[in-house]
N, C-alpha and C. Protein backbone atom coordinates (compact mmCIF):
# COMPACT_ATOMS: atom_id res chain seq x y z
N MET A 1 -63.00 -144.66 41.81
CA MET A 1 -61.95 -145.39 42.51
C MET A 1 -60.94 -144.40 43.11
N TYR A 2 -60.56 -144.62 44.34
CA TYR A 2 -59.63 -143.75 45.05
C TYR A 2 -58.19 -144.17 44.73
N ARG A 3 -57.39 -143.22 44.29
CA ARG A 3 -55.97 -143.50 43.99
C ARG A 3 -55.10 -142.78 45.01
N GLN A 4 -54.17 -143.51 45.58
CA GLN A 4 -53.26 -142.89 46.54
C GLN A 4 -52.22 -142.06 45.80
N MET A 5 -51.83 -140.96 46.43
CA MET A 5 -50.88 -140.04 45.82
C MET A 5 -49.68 -139.84 46.74
N ILE A 6 -48.52 -139.67 46.13
CA ILE A 6 -47.31 -139.30 46.84
C ILE A 6 -46.81 -138.03 46.18
N HIS A 7 -46.85 -136.93 46.91
CA HIS A 7 -46.43 -135.63 46.39
C HIS A 7 -47.15 -135.30 45.08
N GLY A 8 -48.42 -135.61 44.98
CA GLY A 8 -49.21 -135.27 43.81
C GLY A 8 -49.06 -136.21 42.63
N ILE A 9 -48.35 -137.30 42.78
CA ILE A 9 -48.15 -138.27 41.70
C ILE A 9 -48.73 -139.60 42.16
N SER A 10 -49.50 -140.23 41.30
CA SER A 10 -50.09 -141.51 41.69
C SER A 10 -48.99 -142.57 41.80
N ILE A 11 -49.24 -143.54 42.64
CA ILE A 11 -48.26 -144.61 42.87
C ILE A 11 -47.97 -145.38 41.59
N PRO A 12 -48.97 -145.76 40.78
CA PRO A 12 -48.65 -146.46 39.53
C PRO A 12 -47.80 -145.62 38.57
N LYS A 13 -48.07 -144.31 38.51
CA LYS A 13 -47.27 -143.44 37.66
C LYS A 13 -45.83 -143.34 38.17
N ALA A 14 -45.67 -143.23 39.49
CA ALA A 14 -44.33 -143.16 40.08
C ALA A 14 -43.57 -144.47 39.83
N ALA A 15 -44.26 -145.61 39.98
CA ALA A 15 -43.61 -146.91 39.73
C ALA A 15 -43.21 -147.03 38.26
N GLY A 16 -44.07 -146.56 37.36
CA GLY A 16 -43.74 -146.60 35.93
C GLY A 16 -42.54 -145.73 35.60
N GLN A 17 -42.46 -144.56 36.22
CA GLN A 17 -41.31 -143.68 35.99
C GLN A 17 -40.04 -144.31 36.54
N LEU A 18 -40.11 -144.95 37.69
CA LEU A 18 -38.95 -145.64 38.26
C LEU A 18 -38.51 -146.78 37.35
N ARG A 19 -39.47 -147.52 36.81
CA ARG A 19 -39.15 -148.62 35.89
C ARG A 19 -38.48 -148.08 34.62
N GLN A 20 -38.96 -146.94 34.14
CA GLN A 20 -38.41 -146.35 32.91
C GLN A 20 -37.03 -145.75 33.15
N ASP A 21 -36.86 -145.00 34.24
CA ASP A 21 -35.59 -144.32 34.49
C ASP A 21 -34.53 -145.22 35.09
N GLY A 22 -34.93 -146.19 35.91
CA GLY A 22 -33.99 -147.11 36.53
C GLY A 22 -33.50 -146.62 37.88
N LEU A 23 -32.82 -147.50 38.57
CA LEU A 23 -32.33 -147.20 39.92
C LEU A 23 -31.19 -146.19 39.90
N ARG A 24 -30.45 -146.14 38.81
CA ARG A 24 -29.32 -145.21 38.74
C ARG A 24 -29.78 -143.76 38.92
N LYS A 25 -30.87 -143.40 38.28
CA LYS A 25 -31.38 -142.04 38.43
C LYS A 25 -32.01 -141.81 39.81
N LEU A 26 -32.52 -142.87 40.40
CA LEU A 26 -33.12 -142.74 41.73
C LEU A 26 -32.07 -142.32 42.76
N TYR A 27 -30.88 -142.86 42.65
CA TYR A 27 -29.83 -142.60 43.63
C TYR A 27 -28.81 -141.57 43.18
N ARG A 28 -29.07 -140.84 42.10
CA ARG A 28 -28.12 -139.81 41.67
C ARG A 28 -28.04 -138.72 42.74
N GLY A 29 -26.88 -138.18 42.92
CA GLY A 29 -26.69 -137.15 43.92
C GLY A 29 -26.48 -137.67 45.32
N LEU A 30 -26.38 -138.96 45.48
CA LEU A 30 -26.22 -139.54 46.81
C LEU A 30 -24.76 -139.51 47.30
N LEU A 31 -23.82 -139.57 46.37
CA LEU A 31 -22.41 -139.69 46.76
C LEU A 31 -21.88 -138.50 47.56
N PRO A 32 -22.09 -137.23 47.15
CA PRO A 32 -21.54 -136.13 47.95
C PRO A 32 -22.04 -136.08 49.39
N PRO A 33 -23.36 -136.19 49.65
CA PRO A 33 -23.78 -136.19 51.06
C PRO A 33 -23.27 -137.40 51.84
N LEU A 34 -23.15 -138.54 51.16
CA LEU A 34 -22.63 -139.73 51.82
C LEU A 34 -21.17 -139.54 52.22
N CYS A 35 -20.37 -138.97 51.33
CA CYS A 35 -18.96 -138.68 51.66
C CYS A 35 -18.86 -137.66 52.78
N GLN A 36 -19.68 -136.62 52.72
CA GLN A 36 -19.68 -135.59 53.75
C GLN A 36 -20.02 -136.17 55.12
N LYS A 37 -21.03 -137.01 55.17
CA LYS A 37 -21.44 -137.61 56.44
C LYS A 37 -20.38 -138.57 56.97
N THR A 38 -19.74 -139.32 56.07
CA THR A 38 -18.69 -140.24 56.48
C THR A 38 -17.52 -139.50 57.11
N ILE A 39 -17.09 -138.43 56.46
CA ILE A 39 -15.96 -137.65 56.98
C ILE A 39 -16.33 -136.99 58.30
N SER A 40 -17.50 -136.40 58.36
CA SER A 40 -17.95 -135.72 59.57
C SER A 40 -18.04 -136.68 60.75
N THR A 41 -18.62 -137.84 60.53
CA THR A 41 -18.78 -138.82 61.60
C THR A 41 -17.43 -139.38 62.05
N SER A 42 -16.54 -139.63 61.11
CA SER A 42 -15.23 -140.17 61.49
C SER A 42 -14.44 -139.14 62.29
N ILE A 43 -14.55 -137.87 61.94
CA ILE A 43 -13.88 -136.83 62.73
C ILE A 43 -14.46 -136.79 64.14
N MET A 44 -15.77 -136.82 64.24
CA MET A 44 -16.40 -136.71 65.54
C MET A 44 -16.05 -137.89 66.45
N PHE A 45 -16.14 -139.12 65.93
CA PHE A 45 -15.84 -140.28 66.77
C PHE A 45 -14.35 -140.40 67.07
N GLY A 46 -13.50 -140.04 66.11
CA GLY A 46 -12.05 -140.07 66.33
C GLY A 46 -11.61 -139.08 67.39
N THR A 47 -12.14 -137.85 67.29
CA THR A 47 -11.76 -136.85 68.29
C THR A 47 -12.36 -137.17 69.65
N PHE A 48 -13.56 -137.75 69.66
CA PHE A 48 -14.16 -138.15 70.94
C PHE A 48 -13.24 -139.13 71.68
N ASP A 49 -12.76 -140.12 70.97
CA ASP A 49 -11.89 -141.12 71.59
C ASP A 49 -10.59 -140.48 72.09
N GLN A 50 -10.01 -139.60 71.28
CA GLN A 50 -8.76 -138.95 71.68
C GLN A 50 -8.97 -138.04 72.89
N TYR A 51 -10.04 -137.26 72.87
CA TYR A 51 -10.33 -136.40 74.03
C TYR A 51 -10.56 -137.22 75.29
N LYS A 52 -11.27 -138.32 75.16
CA LYS A 52 -11.55 -139.16 76.33
C LYS A 52 -10.26 -139.74 76.90
N LYS A 53 -9.36 -140.22 76.03
CA LYS A 53 -8.07 -140.74 76.50
C LYS A 53 -7.25 -139.65 77.16
N MET A 54 -7.25 -138.46 76.56
CA MET A 54 -6.47 -137.35 77.09
C MET A 54 -7.00 -136.93 78.47
N LEU A 55 -8.32 -136.79 78.58
CA LEU A 55 -8.90 -136.38 79.87
C LEU A 55 -8.68 -137.44 80.94
N HIS A 56 -8.82 -138.70 80.56
CA HIS A 56 -8.62 -139.78 81.53
C HIS A 56 -7.15 -139.82 81.99
N GLY A 57 -6.22 -139.56 81.07
CA GLY A 57 -4.80 -139.56 81.42
C GLY A 57 -4.41 -138.38 82.31
N ARG A 58 -4.94 -137.19 81.99
CA ARG A 58 -4.58 -135.99 82.76
C ARG A 58 -5.36 -135.86 84.06
N TYR A 59 -6.61 -136.26 84.04
CA TYR A 59 -7.47 -136.10 85.22
C TYR A 59 -8.12 -137.44 85.58
N PRO A 60 -7.34 -138.37 86.13
CA PRO A 60 -7.89 -139.69 86.45
C PRO A 60 -8.95 -139.66 87.54
N GLU A 61 -9.02 -138.56 88.29
CA GLU A 61 -10.01 -138.47 89.37
C GLU A 61 -11.42 -138.16 88.86
N LEU A 62 -11.55 -137.73 87.60
CA LEU A 62 -12.87 -137.44 87.05
C LEU A 62 -13.67 -138.72 86.85
N SER A 63 -14.96 -138.62 87.07
CA SER A 63 -15.82 -139.80 86.87
C SER A 63 -15.93 -140.09 85.37
N ASP A 64 -16.35 -141.31 85.06
CA ASP A 64 -16.47 -141.73 83.67
C ASP A 64 -17.57 -140.93 82.95
N ILE A 65 -18.63 -140.60 83.66
CA ILE A 65 -19.72 -139.82 83.06
C ILE A 65 -19.23 -138.42 82.71
N THR A 66 -18.47 -137.80 83.60
CA THR A 66 -17.94 -136.46 83.34
C THR A 66 -16.97 -136.50 82.16
N THR A 67 -16.08 -137.48 82.17
CA THR A 67 -15.11 -137.59 81.07
C THR A 67 -15.83 -137.80 79.74
N THR A 68 -16.83 -138.65 79.73
CA THR A 68 -17.58 -138.91 78.50
C THR A 68 -18.33 -137.67 78.04
N GLY A 69 -18.97 -136.96 78.95
CA GLY A 69 -19.72 -135.76 78.59
C GLY A 69 -18.84 -134.65 78.04
N VAL A 70 -17.72 -134.40 78.71
CA VAL A 70 -16.81 -133.36 78.26
C VAL A 70 -16.19 -133.76 76.92
N SER A 71 -15.83 -135.01 76.78
CA SER A 71 -15.26 -135.50 75.51
C SER A 71 -16.26 -135.36 74.37
N ALA A 72 -17.52 -135.68 74.63
CA ALA A 72 -18.55 -135.55 73.59
C ALA A 72 -18.75 -134.10 73.19
N ALA A 73 -18.78 -133.20 74.16
CA ALA A 73 -18.94 -131.78 73.86
C ALA A 73 -17.76 -131.25 73.05
N LEU A 74 -16.55 -131.62 73.46
CA LEU A 74 -15.37 -131.17 72.72
C LEU A 74 -15.33 -131.75 71.30
N ALA A 75 -15.71 -133.01 71.16
CA ALA A 75 -15.73 -133.64 69.84
C ALA A 75 -16.78 -132.98 68.94
N GLY A 76 -17.94 -132.65 69.49
CA GLY A 76 -18.96 -131.97 68.71
C GLY A 76 -18.51 -130.59 68.27
N CYS A 77 -17.83 -129.87 69.14
CA CYS A 77 -17.31 -128.55 68.77
C CYS A 77 -16.23 -128.66 67.70
N THR A 78 -15.36 -129.63 67.85
CA THR A 78 -14.30 -129.84 66.86
C THR A 78 -14.90 -130.18 65.50
N GLU A 79 -15.88 -131.06 65.48
CA GLU A 79 -16.52 -131.44 64.22
C GLU A 79 -17.24 -130.26 63.59
N ALA A 80 -17.87 -129.42 64.40
CA ALA A 80 -18.58 -128.25 63.87
C ALA A 80 -17.61 -127.24 63.26
N VAL A 81 -16.42 -127.13 63.84
CA VAL A 81 -15.42 -126.20 63.30
C VAL A 81 -14.79 -126.76 62.03
N LEU A 82 -14.48 -128.06 62.01
CA LEU A 82 -13.81 -128.66 60.86
C LEU A 82 -14.75 -128.98 59.70
N CYS A 83 -16.01 -129.21 59.98
CA CYS A 83 -17.00 -129.55 58.94
C CYS A 83 -18.23 -128.64 59.08
N PRO A 84 -18.09 -127.35 58.80
CA PRO A 84 -19.21 -126.44 59.06
C PRO A 84 -20.39 -126.59 58.10
N MET A 85 -20.18 -127.20 56.92
CA MET A 85 -21.25 -127.27 55.93
C MET A 85 -22.45 -128.08 56.45
N GLU A 86 -22.22 -129.13 57.20
CA GLU A 86 -23.33 -129.92 57.72
C GLU A 86 -24.16 -129.10 58.69
N ARG A 87 -23.50 -128.31 59.53
CA ARG A 87 -24.22 -127.47 60.48
C ARG A 87 -25.01 -126.39 59.74
N ILE A 88 -24.43 -125.83 58.69
CA ILE A 88 -25.12 -124.81 57.91
C ILE A 88 -26.36 -125.41 57.25
N GLN A 89 -26.23 -126.60 56.69
CA GLN A 89 -27.38 -127.27 56.06
C GLN A 89 -28.47 -127.56 57.09
N THR A 90 -28.09 -127.97 58.26
CA THR A 90 -29.06 -128.28 59.31
C THR A 90 -29.81 -127.02 59.74
N VAL A 91 -29.09 -125.92 59.89
CA VAL A 91 -29.72 -124.67 60.30
C VAL A 91 -30.65 -124.14 59.22
N LEU A 92 -30.22 -124.25 57.97
CA LEU A 92 -31.06 -123.75 56.88
C LEU A 92 -32.23 -124.66 56.65
């Protein structure tokens, strides 16, 4: 009989281990990356909105696509400077 494997462990064995250990152990270690991602994303979207308002106020002649593109680039740079750990993890 053919048994399917996930990372070298049979599915019934993995299900039995999950039943024995419980969901709490399955999700351990989730809180720090979740907090990191929440902070990083809020910085990026918050700065994007502020940059877009600032550019639109100072340079009303710019097209919406240009304002959005420049704002996105500036927000990404700001987020990379303020939250470098995510970029380091991605590169590694």
